[in-house]
Protein backbone atom coordinates (compact mmCIF):
# COMPACT_ATOMS: atom_id res chain seq x y z
CA MET A 1 114.04 102.98 32.29
CA LEU A 2 111.13 100.72 33.09
CA LYS A 3 113.74 98.09 34.40
CA THR A 4 115.30 100.95 36.58
CA CYS A 5 112.19 101.79 37.96
CA LYS A 6 111.12 98.08 38.69
CA ARG A 7 114.46 97.67 40.36
CA VAL A 8 114.08 100.62 42.81
CA ILE A 9 110.40 99.73 43.50
CA ALA A 10 111.39 96.04 44.29
CA SER A 11 114.24 97.42 46.52
CA LEU A 12 111.80 99.39 48.40
CA LEU A 13 109.33 96.71 48.76
CA VAL A 14 112.04 94.62 50.13
CA VAL A 15 112.89 97.22 52.73
CA MET A 16 109.25 97.77 53.50
CA VAL A 17 108.31 93.79 54.15
CA LEU A 18 111.51 93.67 56.62
CA LEU A 19 110.33 96.64 58.66
CA SER A 20 106.73 95.49 58.61
CA PHE A 21 107.92 91.95 60.07
CA PHE A 22 110.37 93.59 62.46
CA SER A 23 107.69 95.55 63.71
CA LEU A 24 105.43 92.59 64.14
CA GLY A 25 108.02 90.68 65.97
CA LYS A 26 108.09 93.77 68.73
CA VAL A 27 104.50 93.31 69.41
CA HIS A 28 103.86 92.35 72.67
CA ASN A 29 100.64 90.90 74.12
CA THR A 30 98.72 91.37 70.91
CA VAL A 31 96.58 88.70 69.24
CA PHE A 32 99.87 87.33 67.67
CA ALA A 33 101.01 86.14 70.63
CA LYS A 34 97.81 85.13 72.73
CA ASN A 35 97.69 81.69 74.50
CA LYS A 36 94.31 80.47 75.63
CA GLU A 37 94.82 81.84 79.29
CA ASP A 38 95.68 85.28 77.79
CA ILE A 39 92.40 85.42 76.08
CA ILE A 40 90.23 83.96 79.10
CA VAL A 41 91.72 86.66 81.13
CA ASP A 42 91.31 89.45 78.55
CA ASP A 43 87.71 88.23 78.08
CA ILE A 44 87.04 88.31 81.81
CA ILE A 45 88.40 91.61 82.35
CA ASP A 46 86.33 93.39 79.50
CA ASN A 47 83.16 91.48 81.17
CA VAL A 48 84.05 93.13 84.28
CA LEU A 49 84.54 96.66 82.71
CA GLU A 50 81.05 96.28 80.97
CA PHE A 51 79.61 95.59 84.12
CA TYR A 52 81.00 98.36 85.97
CA LYS A 53 80.25 100.68 83.04
CA SER A 54 76.53 99.77 82.82
CA GLU A 55 75.75 98.66 86.47
CA SER A 56 78.27 100.32 88.83
CA THR A 57 79.62 103.99 88.01
CA GLU A 58 79.16 105.47 91.22
CA LEU A 59 82.25 104.12 93.02
CA SER A 60 82.38 103.75 96.71
CA THR A 61 85.66 102.39 98.10
CA TRP A 62 89.11 102.95 97.41
CA ASP A 63 89.35 99.35 96.24
CA GLU A 64 86.93 99.81 93.35
CA ILE A 65 89.11 102.85 92.43
CA VAL A 66 92.28 101.00 92.39
CA SER A 67 90.65 98.20 90.54
CA LEU A 68 89.39 100.40 87.61
CA HIS A 69 92.57 102.63 87.74
CA TRP A 70 94.81 99.58 87.10
CA SER A 71 92.17 98.55 84.22
CA GLY A 72 93.50 101.64 82.56
CA GLU A 73 90.22 103.54 83.04
CA ASP A 74 90.37 107.13 83.53
CA ILE A 75 88.35 107.45 86.61
CA ASN A 76 88.19 111.30 86.71
CA ALA A 77 86.40 111.39 83.69
CA ASP A 78 82.76 110.06 82.79
CA PRO A 79 81.19 107.66 83.28
CA TRP A 80 82.88 107.36 86.62
CA GLN A 81 81.59 109.16 89.64
CA LEU A 82 84.30 109.13 92.76
CA PRO A 83 83.21 109.22 96.29
CA ASP A 84 83.56 112.55 98.30
CA TRP A 85 86.08 112.09 100.69
CA GLY A 86 87.12 114.86 103.33
CA SER A 87 89.50 115.44 106.39
CA ASP A 88 86.69 114.08 108.77
CA ASP A 89 86.71 110.45 107.09
CA LEU A 90 89.97 109.93 108.97
CA ASN A 91 90.82 110.46 112.91
CA ASP A 92 92.31 109.51 115.75
CA GLU A 93 90.53 106.29 116.00
CA SER A 94 90.81 105.32 112.45
CA PRO A 95 93.05 102.33 112.09
CA ALA A 96 96.22 102.07 110.01
CA SER A 97 94.31 100.22 107.12
CA SER A 98 91.85 102.89 106.57
CA TYR A 99 94.75 105.53 106.19
CA ALA A 100 96.46 102.97 104.03
CA GLY A 101 93.02 102.65 101.75
CA TYR A 102 92.93 106.33 101.54
CA ILE A 103 96.31 106.90 100.56
CA LEU A 104 96.26 104.08 97.88
CA GLY A 105 92.85 105.84 96.75
CA LEU A 106 94.14 109.13 96.55
CA ILE A 107 97.31 108.04 94.46
CA ALA A 108 94.77 106.01 92.05
CA ARG A 109 92.89 109.34 91.79
CA GLY A 110 95.80 111.12 90.66
CA GLU A 111 95.50 113.07 94.08
CA ASP A 112 98.56 113.65 96.69
CA PRO A 113 98.01 112.08 100.03
CA THR A 114 101.10 114.03 101.34
CA ASN A 115 99.16 117.38 100.74
CA ILE A 116 95.27 116.67 101.04
CA TRP A 117 92.66 118.43 103.24
CA ASP A 118 95.75 120.58 104.85
CA ARG A 119 97.24 117.42 106.09
CA ASN A 120 99.87 114.88 105.22
CA LEU A 121 98.04 111.30 105.54
CA VAL A 122 101.96 109.28 105.06
CA GLU A 123 103.35 111.11 107.88
CA GLU A 124 100.41 110.53 110.02
CA LEU A 125 100.55 106.73 109.02
CA GLN A 126 104.15 106.84 109.64
CA GLU A 127 103.69 108.01 113.06
CA MET A 128 101.33 105.02 113.98
CA GLN A 129 104.29 102.38 113.76
CA ASN A 130 104.81 101.02 117.38
CA GLU A 131 107.92 99.77 119.19
CA ARG A 132 107.46 96.48 117.91
CA GLY A 133 107.47 97.95 114.33
CA ALA A 134 104.07 97.11 113.95
CA PHE A 135 101.13 99.42 112.59
CA GLY A 136 98.35 97.40 114.50
CA ASN A 137 97.11 94.13 113.94
CA ILE A 138 98.30 91.91 110.99
CA ASN A 139 95.83 93.33 108.52
CA ASP A 140 96.61 96.75 109.47
CA HIS A 141 100.28 96.10 109.19
CA ILE A 142 100.11 94.66 105.70
CA TRP A 143 98.41 97.45 104.43
CA ALA A 144 100.36 100.27 105.99
CA VAL A 145 103.68 98.69 104.65
CA ILE A 146 102.01 98.62 101.09
CA ALA A 147 100.79 102.07 101.26
CA LEU A 148 103.95 103.50 102.52
CA GLU A 149 105.90 101.80 99.60
CA ALA A 150 103.62 103.34 97.45
CA SER A 151 103.85 106.85 98.68
CA ASP A 152 107.74 106.76 99.49
CA GLY A 153 107.09 106.60 103.06
CA LYS A 154 109.69 107.09 105.75
CA TYR A 155 109.27 104.34 108.20
CA ASP A 156 111.39 101.66 110.19
CA VAL A 157 111.53 98.79 107.33
CA ASN A 158 113.95 96.49 109.46
CA LYS A 159 111.36 96.51 112.55
CA ALA A 160 108.42 96.31 110.18
CA MET A 161 109.63 93.47 108.58
CA GLU A 162 110.55 91.56 111.93
CA TYR A 163 107.16 92.02 113.02
CA LEU A 164 105.86 90.65 109.70
CA THR A 165 107.87 87.52 109.71
CA SER A 166 107.45 87.00 113.41
CA GLN A 167 103.42 86.61 112.85
CA GLN A 168 103.82 83.66 110.43
CA LYS A 169 101.63 80.78 111.79
CA ASP A 170 102.97 77.26 112.37
CA ASP A 171 101.56 75.86 109.43
CA GLY A 172 103.26 78.59 107.50
CA GLY A 173 100.70 80.95 106.40
CA TYR A 174 99.16 84.27 107.75
CA ALA A 175 95.60 84.59 109.33
CA TYR A 176 93.62 87.49 110.79
CA GLY A 177 93.94 87.84 114.38
CA GLU A 178 95.78 88.88 117.50
CA ASP A 179 99.56 89.33 118.03
CA ASP A 180 101.51 86.33 118.58
CA THR A 181 98.91 83.65 118.04
CA PRO A 182 100.99 81.06 115.96
CA GLU A 183 98.50 78.23 116.44
CA LEU A 184 95.91 79.84 114.31
CA ILE A 185 94.93 78.19 111.18
CA SER A 186 96.26 80.39 108.24
CA GLU A 187 93.91 81.75 105.41
CA PRO A 188 94.69 82.16 101.86
CA ASP A 189 93.41 85.52 101.94
CA MET A 190 95.89 87.05 104.48
CA THR A 191 98.83 84.95 103.22
CA GLY A 192 98.42 86.17 99.68
CA MET A 193 98.45 89.81 100.92
CA ALA A 194 101.36 89.17 103.32
CA LEU A 195 103.19 88.02 100.40
CA VAL A 196 102.77 91.26 98.62
CA ALA A 197 104.21 93.06 101.63
CA LEU A 198 107.16 90.51 102.25
CA SER A 199 108.11 90.73 98.43
CA MET A 200 108.86 94.55 98.95
CA HIS A 201 112.01 93.72 101.17
CA MET A 202 113.16 90.19 100.22
CA ASP A 203 116.49 91.21 101.33
CA LYS A 204 115.77 91.58 104.93
CA ASP A 205 116.56 89.05 107.75
CA ASN A 206 114.38 86.03 107.31
CA VAL A 207 111.98 87.45 104.62
CA ALA A 208 113.03 84.94 102.08
CA GLU A 209 112.51 82.09 104.28
CA THR A 210 109.21 83.35 105.50
CA VAL A 211 108.15 83.58 101.87
CA ASP A 212 109.23 80.04 101.00
CA ARG A 213 107.25 78.64 103.93
CA ALA A 214 104.21 80.61 102.93
CA LEU A 215 104.37 79.26 99.40
CA GLU A 216 104.67 75.57 100.63
CA TYR A 217 101.57 76.33 102.72
CA LEU A 218 99.71 77.87 99.51
CA GLU A 219 100.80 74.74 97.50
CA ALA A 220 99.50 72.38 100.23
CA SER A 221 96.24 74.46 100.42
CA GLN A 222 95.21 74.48 96.75
CA LEU A 223 92.26 72.63 95.61
CA SER A 224 91.95 70.33 92.83
CA THR A 225 89.70 72.78 91.20
CA GLY A 226 92.91 75.18 91.01
CA GLY A 227 91.34 77.51 93.74
CA PHE A 228 91.33 78.27 97.33
CA GLU A 229 88.81 78.33 100.27
CA SER A 230 88.67 79.96 103.77
CA TRP A 231 86.24 79.27 106.26
CA GLY A 232 85.40 75.78 104.52
CA MET A 233 84.41 77.48 101.26
CA GLU A 234 86.19 78.06 97.97
CA ASN A 235 85.85 81.73 97.16
CA THR A 236 86.79 84.57 94.72
CA ASN A 237 88.41 86.46 97.25
CA SER A 238 90.78 83.75 98.27
CA ILE A 239 91.70 83.03 94.84
CA ALA A 240 92.33 86.67 93.97
CA ALA A 241 94.39 87.39 97.18
CA VAL A 242 96.70 84.21 96.23
CA ILE A 243 97.07 85.52 92.69
CA SER A 244 97.96 88.80 93.72
CA GLY A 245 100.51 87.57 96.16
CA LEU A 246 102.18 85.36 93.91
CA ILE A 247 102.19 87.94 91.05
CA ALA A 248 104.33 90.24 93.51
CA LEU A 249 106.75 87.53 94.06
CA GLU A 250 106.84 87.16 90.14
CA GLU A 251 105.64 83.50 90.46
CA ASP A 252 104.16 82.01 87.13
CA VAL A 253 100.50 81.40 88.09
CA LEU A 254 99.76 79.53 85.16
CA SER A 255 102.81 77.23 85.28
CA GLU A 256 102.47 73.40 86.44
CA LYS A 257 103.48 74.32 89.91
CA TRP A 258 100.30 76.12 90.44
CA THR A 259 97.90 73.78 88.48
CA LYS A 260 96.05 70.99 90.07
CA ASP A 261 94.28 68.23 88.23
CA GLY A 262 94.72 70.36 85.06
CA ASN A 263 93.08 73.17 86.62
CA THR A 264 94.69 76.61 87.13
CA MET A 265 93.51 79.43 89.04
CA VAL A 266 92.37 81.36 86.29
CA ASP A 267 90.07 78.20 85.56
CA ALA A 268 88.86 78.51 89.24
CA LEU A 269 88.25 82.13 89.07
CA SER A 270 86.07 81.95 86.13
CA GLU A 271 83.40 79.92 87.53
CA PHE A 272 82.77 82.63 89.86
CA LEU A 273 82.04 85.04 87.25
CA LEU A 274 78.44 85.66 86.38
CA ASP A 275 76.62 86.66 83.39
CA ASP A 276 76.39 90.39 84.04
CA GLY A 277 80.04 90.72 84.59
CA SER A 278 80.39 90.90 87.96
CA PHE A 279 81.50 88.02 90.81
CA THR A 280 80.29 85.86 93.26
CA TYR A 281 81.80 85.41 96.50
CA GLY A 282 80.84 81.70 96.51
CA LEU A 283 79.07 79.23 94.41
CA GLU A 284 76.16 78.82 96.62
CA PRO A 285 74.12 81.08 96.59
CA LYS A 286 75.42 82.61 93.38
CA GLU A 287 74.91 86.30 93.90
CA SER A 288 76.73 89.54 93.11
CA ASN A 289 79.17 90.74 95.61
CA LYS A 290 81.07 94.07 95.35
CA MET A 291 84.33 92.95 97.14
CA ALA A 292 84.63 89.59 95.07
CA THR A 293 84.33 91.81 91.96
CA TYR A 294 86.92 94.36 92.38
CA GLN A 295 89.41 91.91 94.18
CA ALA A 296 88.99 89.57 90.94
CA LEU A 297 89.59 92.64 88.61
CA ILE A 298 92.83 93.47 90.43
CA ALA A 299 94.04 89.93 90.50
CA LEU A 300 93.17 89.51 86.56
CA ASN A 301 95.07 92.73 85.80
CA ASP A 302 98.21 91.90 87.82
CA LEU A 303 98.21 88.59 85.93
CA LYS A 304 97.60 90.13 82.47
CA LYS A 305 100.58 92.88 83.08
CA SER A 306 102.69 90.25 84.98
CA LYS A 307 103.06 92.84 87.93
CA SER A 308 101.64 93.81 91.18
CA VAL A 309 99.48 97.09 91.30
CA TRP A 310 100.47 97.76 94.74
CA LYS A 311 104.11 98.11 93.33
CA ASN A 312 102.89 100.04 90.29
CA ILE A 313 99.82 102.27 91.53
CA ASN A 314 101.47 105.63 90.74
CA ALA A 315 100.36 107.69 88.00
CA LYS A 316 103.36 107.72 86.07
CA ALA A 317 103.71 103.90 85.70
CA THR A 318 100.22 103.72 84.15
CA VAL A 319 100.59 106.45 81.58
CA GLY A 320 103.89 104.88 80.59
CA GLU A 321 102.15 101.60 80.42
CA GLN A 322 99.16 102.92 78.39
CA SER A 323 101.54 104.84 75.88
CA ALA A 324 103.60 101.49 75.23
CA LYS A 325 100.06 99.81 74.81
CA GLU A 326 99.16 102.59 72.07
CA ASN A 327 102.56 102.15 70.40
CA ASP A 328 102.06 98.60 70.04
CA ASN A 329 98.78 99.26 68.40
CA LYS A 330 100.33 101.59 66.07
CA THR A 331 103.23 99.00 65.12
CA VAL A 332 100.26 96.61 64.17
CA ILE A 333 98.51 98.93 61.88
CA PHE A 334 101.56 100.10 60.16
CA ALA A 335 102.74 96.61 59.64
CA VAL A 336 99.46 95.74 58.11
CA ILE A 337 99.37 98.59 55.99
CA GLY A 338 103.00 97.64 54.88
CA VAL A 339 101.79 94.19 53.92
CA ALA A 340 98.93 95.68 52.31
CA LEU A 341 100.92 98.08 50.12
CA LEU A 342 103.29 95.33 49.32
CA GLY A 343 100.17 93.28 47.59
CA GLY A 344 99.23 96.30 45.85
CA PHE A 345 102.86 96.95 44.15
CA ILE A 346 103.09 93.34 43.37
CA TYR A 347 99.74 93.29 41.68
CA TYR A 348 100.67 96.36 39.66
CA ILE A 349 104.06 95.03 38.46
CA ARG A 350 102.27 91.88 37.45
CA ARG A 351 99.94 93.65 35.48
CA LYS A 352 102.61 95.70 33.92
CA LYS A 353 104.39 92.61 32.52
CA GLN A 354 101.10 91.35 31.02
CA VAL A 355 100.99 94.54 28.97
């Protein structure tokens, strides 16, 4: 009888151990599979979130709302205080980028931009597209495309991409400025965000070629620190925008291709992190900067999740991701319990043999 019990217990233990190790093998992005860069990114994100929770719970811009939403925060709960937006904030004089910001911010807040303040902001933005396919200057145009894609807007995609590809500069990148100025010197910031918009329609005419030239521009522009500069200064915003653009294209930001003199973009970005968890725009002087902080947080979460917030901003994607994370945590817990039980049973059997 004792031998039979031992055989049954042994069989159960074998099954339990196999299930435990199978579960551990399924765990994604946990402490069992982290490399140095993952740990650095996680630590920086934790520091930034701690800064927001202790120093900046009153949110004032849509970018901040998106950055915290993308971090997994429930921005409709404590301690967050959302801005009091209203219909008067957008009027006939508002540029397309303002409409885009409110649309993206409302989506992150869990609200419907097609039915807010007795208005349909998505339709209003759609109507701003002109005969050339543009929604205004290049910055307005890029953000309009991103917002309309996020909100399932209806617009002339072919013309929008034709305009976007036509505004590429002679050096391969993009720059803030007026239409049809190919001679302007490009900026990493605008190039990074242009790549986000371009990545949404890689099948359209000339888009793939335009992206290839933009990537060549960025490769040539990357500094030995691993970072990027604009207006003669290496800065957080330029590095963050490039990371966001590359992630949208599913580029491996930490690959050898994007490593200069042994330095990655994460190495470069970490130099701008302040002791309080916020980011400074530049290294001289070092002072907390709101825009640098939320742009860095967005880029770091893009990198951590290997996907762009601008393609995954809707609430369903975030909830699903949070559920997956919770399931991963449960898997680890059950696996550890299984291993602990195994140790206990082995100890019990050995004690019985000694008796």
